[in-house]
Amino acid sequence: RASGALKVWYCEAAGENQHSLFDFLMFAWSKDAGSLLHGVP
């Protein structure tokens, strides 16, 4: 919200599940994901 920056991640799943969400959060907040945008909100 502060910067308007976006991060996108795709997964193969039939629907929402906590494991895919966990993987996304780790990708979104990780510094190692190859993105400048990182950190835990």
PDB file of all heavy atoms in Angstrom:
ATOM      1  N   ARG A   1       0.811  -1.219   0.000  1.00  0.00           N
ATOM      2  CA  ARG A   1       0.000   0.000   0.000  1.00  0.00           C
ATOM      3  C   ARG A   1       0.846   1.271   0.000  1.00  0.00           C
ATOM      4  O   ARG A   1       0.490   2.260  -0.624  1.00  0.00           O
ATOM      5  CB  ARG A   1      -0.932  -0.018   1.207  1.00  0.00           C
ATOM      6  CG  ARG A   1      -1.913   1.118   1.198  1.00  0.00           C
ATOM      7  CD  ARG A   1      -2.915   0.960   2.305  1.00  0.00           C
ATOM      8  NE  ARG A   1      -3.808   2.100   2.297  1.00  0.00           N
ATOM      9  CZ  ARG A   1      -4.638   2.368   3.253  1.00  0.00           C
ATOM     10  NH1 ARG A   1      -4.727   1.571   4.298  1.00  0.00           N
ATOM     11  NH2 ARG A   1      -5.413   3.420   3.197  1.00  0.00           N
ATOM     12  N   ALA A   2       1.966   1.263   0.692  1.00  0.00           N
ATOM     13  CA  ALA A   2       2.795   2.466   0.782  1.00  0.00           C
ATOM     14  C   ALA A   2       3.429   2.838  -0.554  1.00  0.00           C
ATOM     15  O   ALA A   2       3.510   4.012  -0.898  1.00  0.00           O
ATOM     16  CB  ALA A   2       3.879   2.269   1.839  1.00  0.00           C
ATOM     17  N   SER A   3       3.872   1.848  -1.314  1.00  0.00           N
ATOM     18  CA  SER A   3       4.593   2.137  -2.554  1.00  0.00           C
ATOM     19  C   SER A   3       3.806   1.790  -3.812  1.00  0.00           C
ATOM     20  O   SER A   3       4.179   2.225  -4.902  1.00  0.00           O
ATOM     21  CB  SER A   3       5.909   1.355  -2.584  1.00  0.00           C
ATOM     22  OG  SER A   3       5.652  -0.039  -2.652  1.00  0.00           O
ATOM     23  N   GLY A   4       2.773   0.998  -3.681  1.00  0.00           N
ATOM     24  CA  GLY A   4       2.032   0.542  -4.857  1.00  0.00           C
ATOM     25  C   GLY A   4       2.734  -0.590  -5.593  1.00  0.00           C
ATOM     26  O   GLY A   4       2.303  -1.008  -6.665  1.00  0.00           O
ATOM     27  N   ALA A   5       3.824  -1.106  -5.026  1.00  0.00           N
ATOM     28  CA  ALA A   5       4.583  -2.187  -5.675  1.00  0.00           C
ATOM     29  C   ALA A   5       3.785  -3.492  -5.644  1.00  0.00           C
ATOM     30  O   ALA A   5       3.021  -3.747  -4.711  1.00  0.00           O
ATOM     31  CB  ALA A   5       5.930  -2.374  -4.992  1.00  0.00           C
ATOM     32  N   LEU A   6       3.973  -4.302  -6.675  1.00  0.00           N
ATOM     33  CA  LEU A   6       3.264  -5.570  -6.831  1.00  0.00           C
ATOM     34  C   LEU A   6       4.242  -6.736  -6.816  1.00  0.00           C
ATOM     35  O   LEU A   6       5.385  -6.607  -7.257  1.00  0.00           O
ATOM     36  CB  LEU A   6       2.521  -5.603  -8.171  1.00  0.00           C
ATOM     37  CG  LEU A   6       1.469  -4.538  -8.416  1.00  0.00           C
ATOM     38  CD1 LEU A   6       1.011  -4.583  -9.864  1.00  0.00           C
ATOM     39  CD2 LEU A   6       0.298  -4.719  -7.483  1.00  0.00           C
ATOM     40  N   LYS A   7       3.762  -7.867  -6.347  1.00  0.00           N
ATOM     41  CA  LYS A   7       4.506  -9.114  -6.429  1.00  0.00           C
ATOM     42  C   LYS A   7       3.502 -10.191  -6.818  1.00  0.00           C
ATOM     43  O   LYS A   7       2.429 -10.277  -6.226  1.00  0.00           O
ATOM     44  CB  LYS A   7       5.157  -9.431  -5.077  1.00  0.00           C
ATOM     45  CG  LYS A   7       6.454 -10.170  -5.184  1.00  0.00           C
ATOM     46  CD  LYS A   7       7.206 -10.117  -3.876  1.00  0.00           C
ATOM     47  CE  LYS A   7       8.613 -10.623  -4.025  1.00  0.00           C
ATOM     48  NZ  LYS A   7       9.339 -10.593  -2.765  1.00  0.00           N
ATOM     49  N   VAL A   8       3.844 -10.999  -7.809  1.00  0.00           N
ATOM     50  CA  VAL A   8       2.914 -11.980  -8.366  1.00  0.00           C
ATOM     51  C   VAL A   8       3.512 -13.374  -8.235  1.00  0.00           C
ATOM     52  O   VAL A   8       4.705 -13.571  -8.450  1.00  0.00           O
ATOM     53  CB  VAL A   8       2.664 -11.697  -9.867  1.00  0.00           C
ATOM     54  CG1 VAL A   8       1.598 -12.613 -10.423  1.00  0.00           C
ATOM     55  CG2 VAL A   8       2.313 -10.245 -10.098  1.00  0.00           C
ATOM     56  N   TRP A   9       2.653 -14.338  -7.909  1.00  0.00           N
ATOM     57  CA  TRP A   9       3.107 -15.723  -7.794  1.00  0.00           C
ATOM     58  C   TRP A   9       1.968 -16.646  -8.214  1.00  0.00           C
ATOM     59  O   TRP A   9       0.816 -16.445  -7.828  1.00  0.00           O
ATOM     60  CB  TRP A   9       3.529 -16.005  -6.361  1.00  0.00           C
ATOM     61  CG  TRP A   9       4.136 -17.340  -6.119  1.00  0.00           C
ATOM     62  CD1 TRP A   9       5.397 -17.739  -6.443  1.00  0.00           C
ATOM     63  CD2 TRP A   9       3.529 -18.455  -5.478  1.00  0.00           C
ATOM     64  NE1 TRP A   9       5.603 -19.033  -6.045  1.00  0.00           N
ATOM     65  CE2 TRP A   9       4.463 -19.490  -5.443  1.00  0.00           C
ATOM     66  CE3 TRP A   9       2.266 -18.677  -4.925  1.00  0.00           C
ATOM     67  CZ2 TRP A   9       4.185 -20.730  -4.893  1.00  0.00           C
ATOM     68  CZ3 TRP A   9       1.992 -19.903  -4.372  1.00  0.00           C
ATOM     69  CH2 TRP A   9       2.956 -20.919  -4.356  1.00  0.00           C
ATOM     70  N   TYR A  10       2.302 -17.651  -9.005  1.00  0.00           N
ATOM     71  CA  TYR A  10       1.327 -18.627  -9.483  1.00  0.00           C
ATOM     72  C   TYR A  10       1.594 -19.979  -8.841  1.00  0.00           C
ATOM     73  O   TYR A  10       2.744 -20.328  -8.569  1.00  0.00           O
ATOM     74  CB  TYR A  10       1.415 -18.776 -11.009  1.00  0.00           C
ATOM     75  CG  TYR A  10       1.003 -17.525 -11.749  1.00  0.00           C
ATOM     76  CD1 TYR A  10       1.922 -16.513 -12.009  1.00  0.00           C
ATOM     77  CD2 TYR A  10      -0.308 -17.357 -12.168  1.00  0.00           C
ATOM     78  CE1 TYR A  10       1.543 -15.365 -12.677  1.00  0.00           C
ATOM     79  CE2 TYR A  10      -0.694 -16.203 -12.841  1.00  0.00           C
ATOM     80  CZ  TYR A  10       0.241 -15.213 -13.092  1.00  0.00           C
ATOM     81  OH  TYR A  10      -0.147 -14.067 -13.750  1.00  0.00           O
ATOM     82  N   CYS A  11       0.529 -20.735  -8.617  1.00  0.00           N
ATOM     83  CA  CYS A  11       0.687 -22.095  -8.098  1.00  0.00           C
ATOM     84  C   CYS A  11      -0.322 -23.000  -8.795  1.00  0.00           C
ATOM     85  O   CYS A  11      -1.337 -22.539  -9.300  1.00  0.00           O
ATOM     86  CB  CYS A  11       0.491 -22.131  -6.579  1.00  0.00           C
ATOM     87  SG  CYS A  11      -1.161 -21.728  -6.032  1.00  0.00           S
ATOM     88  N   GLU A  12       0.012 -24.271  -8.819  1.00  0.00           N
ATOM     89  CA  GLU A  12      -0.902 -25.264  -9.369  1.00  0.00           C
ATOM     90  C   GLU A  12      -1.703 -25.857  -8.223  1.00  0.00           C
ATOM     91  O   GLU A  12      -1.156 -26.568  -7.385  1.00  0.00           O
ATOM     92  CB  GLU A  12      -0.123 -26.372 -10.080  1.00  0.00           C
ATOM     93  CG  GLU A  12       0.553 -25.908 -11.347  1.00  0.00           C
ATOM     94  CD  GLU A  12       1.254 -27.052 -12.061  1.00  0.00           C
ATOM     95  OE1 GLU A  12       0.558 -27.814 -12.761  1.00  0.00           O
ATOM     96  OE2 GLU A  12       2.471 -27.159 -11.891  1.00  0.00           O
ATOM     97  N   ALA A  13      -2.978 -25.512  -8.154  1.00  0.00           N
ATOM     98  CA  ALA A  13      -3.842 -26.009  -7.088  1.00  0.00           C
ATOM     99  C   ALA A  13      -5.285 -25.941  -7.555  1.00  0.00           C
ATOM    100  O   ALA A  13      -5.643 -25.082  -8.373  1.00  0.00           O
ATOM    101  CB  ALA A  13      -3.659 -25.191  -5.823  1.00  0.00           C
ATOM    102  N   ALA A  14      -6.104 -26.825  -7.027  1.00  0.00           N
ATOM    103  CA  ALA A  14      -7.524 -26.842  -7.386  1.00  0.00           C
ATOM    104  C   ALA A  14      -8.266 -25.679  -6.751  1.00  0.00           C
ATOM    105  O   ALA A  14      -9.336 -25.303  -7.192  1.00  0.00           O
ATOM    106  CB  ALA A  14      -8.151 -28.160  -6.960  1.00  0.00           C
ATOM    107  N   GLY A  15      -7.711 -25.092  -5.718  1.00  0.00           N
ATOM    108  CA  GLY A  15      -8.335 -23.973  -5.029  1.00  0.00           C
ATOM    109  C   GLY A  15      -7.412 -23.470  -3.938  1.00  0.00           C
ATOM    110  O   GLY A  15      -6.252 -23.856  -3.864  1.00  0.00           O
ATOM    111  N   GLU A  16      -7.958 -22.616  -3.087  1.00  0.00           N
ATOM    112  CA  GLU A  16      -7.162 -22.085  -1.985  1.00  0.00           C
ATOM    113  C   GLU A  16      -6.821 -23.178  -0.985  1.00  0.00           C
ATOM    114  O   GLU A  16      -7.671 -24.003  -0.664  1.00  0.00           O
ATOM    115  CB  GLU A  16      -7.961 -21.014  -1.230  1.00  0.00           C
ATOM    116  CG  GLU A  16      -8.088 -19.711  -1.930  1.00  0.00           C
ATOM    117  CD  GLU A  16      -8.769 -18.666  -1.035  1.00  0.00           C
ATOM    118  OE1 GLU A  16      -8.975 -18.924   0.173  1.00  0.00           O
ATOM    119  OE2 GLU A  16      -9.085 -17.606  -1.557  1.00  0.00           O
ATOM    120  N   ASN A  17      -5.602 -23.163  -0.502  1.00  0.00           N
ATOM    121  CA  ASN A  17      -5.242 -24.034   0.614  1.00  0.00           C
ATOM    122  C   ASN A  17      -4.110 -23.377   1.390  1.00  0.00           C
ATOM    123  O   ASN A  17      -3.401 -22.524   0.870  1.00  0.00           O
ATOM    124  CB  ASN A  17      -4.880 -25.454   0.147  1.00  0.00           C
ATOM    125  CG  ASN A  17      -3.632 -25.498  -0.699  1.00  0.00           C
ATOM    126  OD1 ASN A  17      -2.547 -25.165  -0.237  1.00  0.00           O
ATOM    127  ND2 ASN A  17      -3.782 -25.891  -1.962  1.00  0.00           N
ATOM    128  N   GLN A  18      -3.963 -23.770   2.639  1.00  0.00           N
ATOM    129  CA  GLN A  18      -2.999 -23.106   3.506  1.00  0.00           C
ATOM    130  C   GLN A  18      -1.556 -23.350   3.076  1.00  0.00           C
ATOM    131  O   GLN A  18      -0.685 -22.523   3.313  1.00  0.00           O
ATOM    132  CB  GLN A  18      -3.197 -23.514   4.957  1.00  0.00           C
ATOM    133  CG  GLN A  18      -2.934 -24.970   5.252  1.00  0.00           C
ATOM    134  CD  GLN A  18      -3.308 -25.353   6.673  1.00  0.00           C
ATOM    135  OE1 GLN A  18      -4.009 -24.627   7.357  1.00  0.00           O
ATOM    136  NE2 GLN A  18      -2.835 -26.500   7.104  1.00  0.00           N
ATOM    137  N   HIS A  19      -1.280 -24.449   2.399  1.00  0.00           N
ATOM    138  CA  HIS A  19       0.092 -24.732   1.972  1.00  0.00           C
ATOM    139  C   HIS A  19       0.514 -23.803   0.830  1.00  0.00           C
ATOM    140  O   HIS A  19       1.631 -23.285   0.834  1.00  0.00           O
ATOM    141  CB  HIS A  19       0.244 -26.200   1.590  1.00  0.00           C
ATOM    142  CG  HIS A  19      -0.105 -27.119   2.728  1.00  0.00           C
ATOM    143  ND1 HIS A  19       0.660 -27.191   3.870  1.00  0.00           N
ATOM    144  CD2 HIS A  19      -1.148 -27.957   2.913  1.00  0.00           C
ATOM    145  CE1 HIS A  19       0.105 -28.050   4.715  1.00  0.00           C
ATOM    146  NE2 HIS A  19      -0.995 -28.528   4.153  1.00  0.00           N
ATOM    147  N   SER A  20      -0.382 -23.575  -0.125  1.00  0.00           N
ATOM    148  CA  SER A  20      -0.075 -22.638  -1.207  1.00  0.00           C
ATOM    149  C   SER A  20       0.051 -21.229  -0.669  1.00  0.00           C
ATOM    150  O   SER A  20       0.935 -20.470  -1.084  1.00  0.00           O
ATOM    151  CB  SER A  20      -1.174 -22.679  -2.282  1.00  0.00           C
ATOM    152  OG  SER A  20      -1.181 -23.909  -2.940  1.00  0.00           O
ATOM    153  N   LEU A  21      -0.822 -20.867   0.271  1.00  0.00           N
ATOM    154  CA  LEU A  21      -0.753 -19.533   0.866  1.00  0.00           C
ATOM    155  C   LEU A  21       0.566 -19.358   1.627  1.00  0.00           C
ATOM    156  O   LEU A  21       1.212 -18.319   1.517  1.00  0.00           O
ATOM    157  CB  LEU A  21      -1.940 -19.292   1.800  1.00  0.00           C
ATOM    158  CG  LEU A  21      -1.965 -17.941   2.501  1.00  0.00           C
ATOM    159  CD1 LEU A  21      -1.932 -16.783   1.508  1.00  0.00           C
ATOM    160  CD2 LEU A  21      -3.198 -17.841   3.390  1.00  0.00           C
ATOM    161  N   PHE A  22       0.971 -20.365   2.371  1.00  0.00           N
ATOM    162  CA  PHE A  22       2.250 -20.314   3.085  1.00  0.00           C
ATOM    163  C   PHE A  22       3.394 -20.110   2.094  1.00  0.00           C
ATOM    164  O   PHE A  22       4.255 -19.244   2.295  1.00  0.00           O
ATOM    165  CB  PHE A  22       2.466 -21.598   3.890  1.00  0.00           C
ATOM    166  CG  PHE A  22       3.826 -21.679   4.532  1.00  0.00           C
ATOM    167  CD1 PHE A  22       4.077 -21.024   5.729  1.00  0.00           C
ATOM    168  CD2 PHE A  22       4.856 -22.390   3.934  1.00  0.00           C
ATOM    169  CE1 PHE A  22       5.334 -21.081   6.328  1.00  0.00           C
ATOM    170  CE2 PHE A  22       6.111 -22.447   4.521  1.00  0.00           C
ATOM    171  CZ  PHE A  22       6.349 -21.794   5.722  1.00  0.00           C
ATOM    172  N   ASP A  23       3.401 -20.900   1.009  1.00  0.00           N
ATOM    173  CA  ASP A  23       4.464 -20.773   0.004  1.00  0.00           C
ATOM    174  C   ASP A  23       4.479 -19.364  -0.597  1.00  0.00           C
ATOM    175  O   ASP A  23       5.548 -18.793  -0.829  1.00  0.00           O
ATOM    176  CB  ASP A  23       4.295 -21.817  -1.096  1.00  0.00           C
ATOM    177  CG  ASP A  23       4.599 -23.223  -0.617  1.00  0.00           C
ATOM    178  OD1 ASP A  23       5.247 -23.388   0.440  1.00  0.00           O
ATOM    179  OD2 ASP A  23       4.162 -24.179  -1.302  1.00  0.00           O
ATOM    180  N   PHE A  24       3.294 -18.801  -0.844  1.00  0.00           N
ATOM    181  CA  PHE A  24       3.221 -17.445  -1.393  1.00  0.00           C
ATOM    182  C   PHE A  24       3.763 -16.421  -0.398  1.00  0.00           C
ATOM    183  O   PHE A  24       4.539 -15.543  -0.766  1.00  0.00           O
ATOM    184  CB  PHE A  24       1.794 -17.074  -1.787  1.00  0.00           C
ATOM    185  CG  PHE A  24       1.656 -15.614  -2.115  1.00  0.00           C
ATOM    186  CD1 PHE A  24       2.293 -15.072  -3.216  1.00  0.00           C
ATOM    187  CD2 PHE A  24       0.919 -14.771  -1.300  1.00  0.00           C
ATOM    188  CE1 PHE A  24       2.196 -13.714  -3.508  1.00  0.00           C
ATOM    189  CE2 PHE A  24       0.808 -13.421  -1.579  1.00  0.00           C
ATOM    190  CZ  PHE A  24       1.448 -12.887  -2.688  1.00  0.00           C
ATOM    191  N   LEU A  25       3.354 -16.520   0.859  1.00  0.00           N
ATOM    192  CA  LEU A  25       3.834 -15.565   1.855  1.00  0.00           C
ATOM    193  C   LEU A  25       5.352 -15.638   1.999  1.00  0.00           C
ATOM    194  O   LEU A  25       6.022 -14.606   2.122  1.00  0.00           O
ATOM    195  CB  LEU A  25       3.150 -15.800   3.204  1.00  0.00           C
ATOM    196  CG  LEU A  25       1.650 -15.507   3.249  1.00  0.00           C
ATOM    197  CD1 LEU A  25       1.074 -15.881   4.599  1.00  0.00           C
ATOM    198  CD2 LEU A  25       1.351 -14.063   2.892  1.00  0.00           C
ATOM    199  N   MET A  26       5.901 -16.839   1.971  1.00  0.00           N
ATOM    200  CA  MET A  26       7.355 -16.980   2.056  1.00  0.00           C
ATOM    201  C   MET A  26       8.022 -16.337   0.837  1.00  0.00           C
ATOM    202  O   MET A  26       9.044 -15.660   0.956  1.00  0.00           O
ATOM    203  CB  MET A  26       7.758 -18.456   2.166  1.00  0.00           C
ATOM    204  CG  MET A  26       7.289 -19.146   3.443  1.00  0.00           C
ATOM    205  SD  MET A  26       7.834 -18.391   4.983  1.00  0.00           S
ATOM    206  CE  MET A  26       6.388 -17.439   5.465  1.00  0.00           C
ATOM    207  N   PHE A  27       7.438 -16.532  -0.335  1.00  0.00           N
ATOM    208  CA  PHE A  27       7.960 -15.902  -1.553  1.00  0.00           C
ATOM    209  C   PHE A  27       7.831 -14.385  -1.463  1.00  0.00           C
ATOM    210  O   PHE A  27       8.773 -13.642  -1.742  1.00  0.00           O
ATOM    211  CB  PHE A  27       7.195 -16.423  -2.782  1.00  0.00           C
ATOM    212  CG  PHE A  27       7.414 -15.606  -4.021  1.00  0.00           C
ATOM    213  CD1 PHE A  27       8.579 -15.731  -4.753  1.00  0.00           C
ATOM    214  CD2 PHE A  27       6.452 -14.697  -4.438  1.00  0.00           C
ATOM    215  CE1 PHE A  27       8.785 -14.970  -5.894  1.00  0.00           C
ATOM    216  CE2 PHE A  27       6.654 -13.930  -5.576  1.00  0.00           C
ATOM    217  CZ  PHE A  27       7.822 -14.065  -6.301  1.00  0.00           C
ATOM    218  N   ALA A  28       6.659 -13.916  -1.049  1.00  0.00           N
ATOM    219  CA  ALA A  28       6.374 -12.475  -1.041  1.00  0.00           C
ATOM    220  C   ALA A  28       7.237 -11.720  -0.048  1.00  0.00           C
ATOM    221  O   ALA A  28       7.661 -10.597  -0.317  1.00  0.00           O
ATOM    222  CB  ALA A  28       4.894 -12.248  -0.740  1.00  0.00           C
ATOM    223  N   TRP A  29       7.518 -12.317   1.101  1.00  0.00           N
ATOM    224  CA  TRP A  29       8.236 -11.612   2.155  1.00  0.00           C
ATOM    225  C   TRP A  29       9.728 -11.905   2.179  1.00  0.00           C
ATOM    226  O   TRP A  29      10.479 -11.267   2.899  1.00  0.00           O
ATOM    227  CB  TRP A  29       7.621 -11.951   3.511  1.00  0.00           C
ATOM    228  CG  TRP A  29       6.200 -11.508   3.643  1.00  0.00           C
ATOM    229  CD1 TRP A  29       5.545 -10.583   2.883  1.00  0.00           C
ATOM    230  CD2 TRP A  29       5.247 -11.971   4.598  1.00  0.00           C
ATOM    231  NE1 TRP A  29       4.250 -10.434   3.308  1.00  0.00           N
ATOM    232  CE2 TRP A  29       4.037 -11.280   4.365  1.00  0.00           C
ATOM    233  CE3 TRP A  29       5.294 -12.897   5.633  1.00  0.00           C
ATOM    234  CZ2 TRP A  29       2.899 -11.492   5.126  1.00  0.00           C
ATOM    235  CZ3 TRP A  29       4.155 -13.106   6.383  1.00  0.00           C
ATOM    236  CH2 TRP A  29       2.974 -12.407   6.139  1.00  0.00           C
ATOM    237  N   SER A  30      10.174 -12.865   1.394  1.00  0.00           N
ATOM    238  CA  SER A  30      11.571 -13.285   1.412  1.00  0.00           C
ATOM    239  C   SER A  30      12.456 -12.337   0.612  1.00  0.00           C
ATOM    240  O   SER A  30      12.080 -11.840  -0.446  1.00  0.00           O
ATOM    241  CB  SER A  30      11.677 -14.693   0.822  1.00  0.00           C
ATOM    242  OG  SER A  30      13.022 -15.064   0.688  1.00  0.00           O
ATOM    243  N   LYS A  31      13.651 -12.117   1.109  1.00  0.00           N
ATOM    244  CA  LYS A  31      14.638 -11.323   0.383  1.00  0.00           C
ATOM    245  C   LYS A  31      15.304 -12.162  -0.697  1.00  0.00           C
ATOM    246  O   LYS A  31      15.814 -11.636  -1.673  1.00  0.00           O
ATOM    247  CB  LYS A  31      15.688 -10.782   1.351  1.00  0.00           C
ATOM    248  CG  LYS A  31      16.646  -9.819   0.713  1.00  0.00           C
ATOM    249  CD  LYS A  31      17.569  -9.187   1.720  1.00  0.00           C
ATOM    250  CE  LYS A  31      18.453  -8.175   1.010  1.00  0.00           C
ATOM    251  NZ  LYS A  31      19.254  -7.409   1.935  1.00  0.00           N
ATOM    252  N   ASP A  32      15.280 -13.461  -0.543  1.00  0.00           N
ATOM    253  CA  ASP A  32      15.958 -14.364  -1.477  1.00  0.00           C
ATOM    254  C   ASP A  32      15.156 -14.646  -2.742  1.00  0.00           C
ATOM    255  O   ASP A  32      15.589 -15.410  -3.574  1.00  0.00           O
ATOM    256  CB  ASP A  32      16.263 -15.694  -0.778  1.00  0.00           C
ATOM    257  CG  ASP A  32      17.159 -15.502   0.435  1.00  0.00           C
ATOM    258  OD1 ASP A  32      17.960 -14.559   0.425  1.00  0.00           O
ATOM    259  OD2 ASP A  32      17.033 -16.288   1.381  1.00  0.00           O
ATOM    260  N   ALA A  33      13.992 -14.056  -2.883  1.00  0.00           N
ATOM    261  CA  ALA A  33      13.124 -14.366  -4.020  1.00  0.00           C
ATOM    262  C   ALA A  33      13.546 -13.651  -5.302  1.00  0.00           C
ATOM    263  O   ALA A  33      12.885 -13.785  -6.316  1.00  0.00           O
ATOM    264  CB  ALA A  33      11.671 -14.009  -3.680  1.00  0.00           C
ATOM    265  N   GLY A  34      14.627 -12.894  -5.276  1.00  0.00           N
ATOM    266  CA  GLY A  34      15.082 -12.215  -6.483  1.00  0.00           C
ATOM    267  C   GLY A  34      14.385 -10.886  -6.707  1.00  0.00           C
ATOM    268  O   GLY A  34      14.440 -10.323  -7.791  1.00  0.00           O
ATOM    269  N   SER A  35      13.721 -10.378  -5.687  1.00  0.00           N
ATOM    270  CA  SER A  35      12.972  -9.141  -5.810  1.00  0.00           C
ATOM    271  C   SER A  35      13.471  -8.116  -4.803  1.00  0.00           C
ATOM    272  O   SER A  35      13.882  -8.463  -3.695  1.00  0.00           O
ATOM    273  CB  SER A  35      11.487  -9.428  -5.554  1.00  0.00           C
ATOM    274  OG  SER A  35      10.748  -8.231  -5.500  1.00  0.00           O
ATOM    275  N   LEU A  36      13.423  -6.859  -5.173  1.00  0.00           N
ATOM    276  CA  LEU A  36      13.786  -5.800  -4.240  1.00  0.00           C
ATOM    277  C   LEU A  36      12.763  -5.732  -3.106  1.00  0.00           C
ATOM    278  O   LEU A  36      13.114  -5.484  -1.956  1.00  0.00           O
ATOM    279  CB  LEU A  36      13.845  -4.464  -4.994  1.00  0.00           C
ATOM    280  CG  LEU A  36      14.245  -3.241  -4.193  1.00  0.00           C
ATOM    281  CD1 LEU A  36      15.651  -3.393  -3.637  1.00  0.00           C
ATOM    282  CD2 LEU A  36      14.163  -2.003  -5.061  1.00  0.00           C
ATOM    283  N   LEU A  37      11.503  -5.954  -3.400  1.00  0.00           N
ATOM    284  CA  LEU A  37      10.416  -5.888  -2.419  1.00  0.00           C
ATOM    285  C   LEU A  37      10.467  -7.109  -1.501  1.00  0.00           C
ATOM    286  O   LEU A  37      10.393  -8.241  -1.959  1.00  0.00           O
ATOM    287  CB  LEU A  37       9.072  -5.837  -3.159  1.00  0.00           C
ATOM    288  CG  LEU A  37       7.806  -5.732  -2.341  1.00  0.00           C
ATOM    289  CD1 LEU A  37       7.782  -4.451  -1.530  1.00  0.00           C
ATOM    290  CD2 LEU A  37       6.595  -5.797  -3.251  1.00  0.00           C
ATOM    291  N   HIS A  38      10.636  -6.872  -0.215  1.00  0.00           N
ATOM    292  CA  HIS A  38      10.684  -7.964   0.751  1.00  0.00           C
ATOM    293  C   HIS A  38      10.384  -7.410   2.134  1.00  0.00           C
ATOM    294  O   HIS A  38      10.275  -6.207   2.325  1.00  0.00           O
ATOM    295  CB  HIS A  38      12.062  -8.655   0.743  1.00  0.00           C
ATOM    296  CG  HIS A  38      13.174  -7.791   1.216  1.00  0.00           C
ATOM    297  ND1 HIS A  38      13.773  -6.846   0.415  1.00  0.00           N
ATOM    298  CD2 HIS A  38      13.786  -7.695   2.426  1.00  0.00           C
ATOM    299  CE1 HIS A  38      14.716  -6.223   1.100  1.00  0.00           C
ATOM    300  NE2 HIS A  38      14.748  -6.712   2.329  1.00  0.00           N
ATOM    301  N   GLY A  39      10.251  -8.287   3.099  1.00  0.00           N
ATOM    302  CA  GLY A  39      10.016  -7.884   4.473  1.00  0.00           C
ATOM    303  C   GLY A  39       8.636  -8.292   4.962  1.00  0.00           C
ATOM    304  O   GLY A  39       7.706  -8.474   4.171  1.00  0.00           O
ATOM    305  N   VAL A  40       8.517  -8.459   6.261  1.00  0.00           N
ATOM    306  CA  VAL A  40       7.271  -8.886   6.901  1.00  0.00           C
ATOM    307  C   VAL A  40       6.486  -7.638   7.290  1.00  0.00           C
ATOM    308  O   VAL A  40       7.004  -6.780   8.010  1.00  0.00           O
ATOM    309  CB  VAL A  40       7.570  -9.747   8.145  1.00  0.00           C
ATOM    310  CG1 VAL A  40       6.294 -10.178   8.830  1.00  0.00           C
ATOM    311  CG2 VAL A  40       8.415 -10.962   7.766  1.00  0.00           C
ATOM    312  N   PRO A  41       5.251  -7.530   6.839  1.00  0.00           N
ATOM    313  CA  PRO A  41       4.458  -6.337   7.166  1.00  0.00           C
ATOM    314  C   PRO A  41       3.915  -6.389   8.598  1.00  0.00           C
ATOM    315  O   PRO A  41       3.904  -7.440   9.238  1.00  0.00           O
ATOM    316  CB  PRO A  41       3.298  -6.415   6.160  1.00  0.00           C
ATOM    317  CG  PRO A  41       3.114  -7.880   5.946  1.00  0.00           C
ATOM    318  CD  PRO A  41       4.502  -8.471   6.000  1.00  0.00           C
TER     319      PRO A  41
END
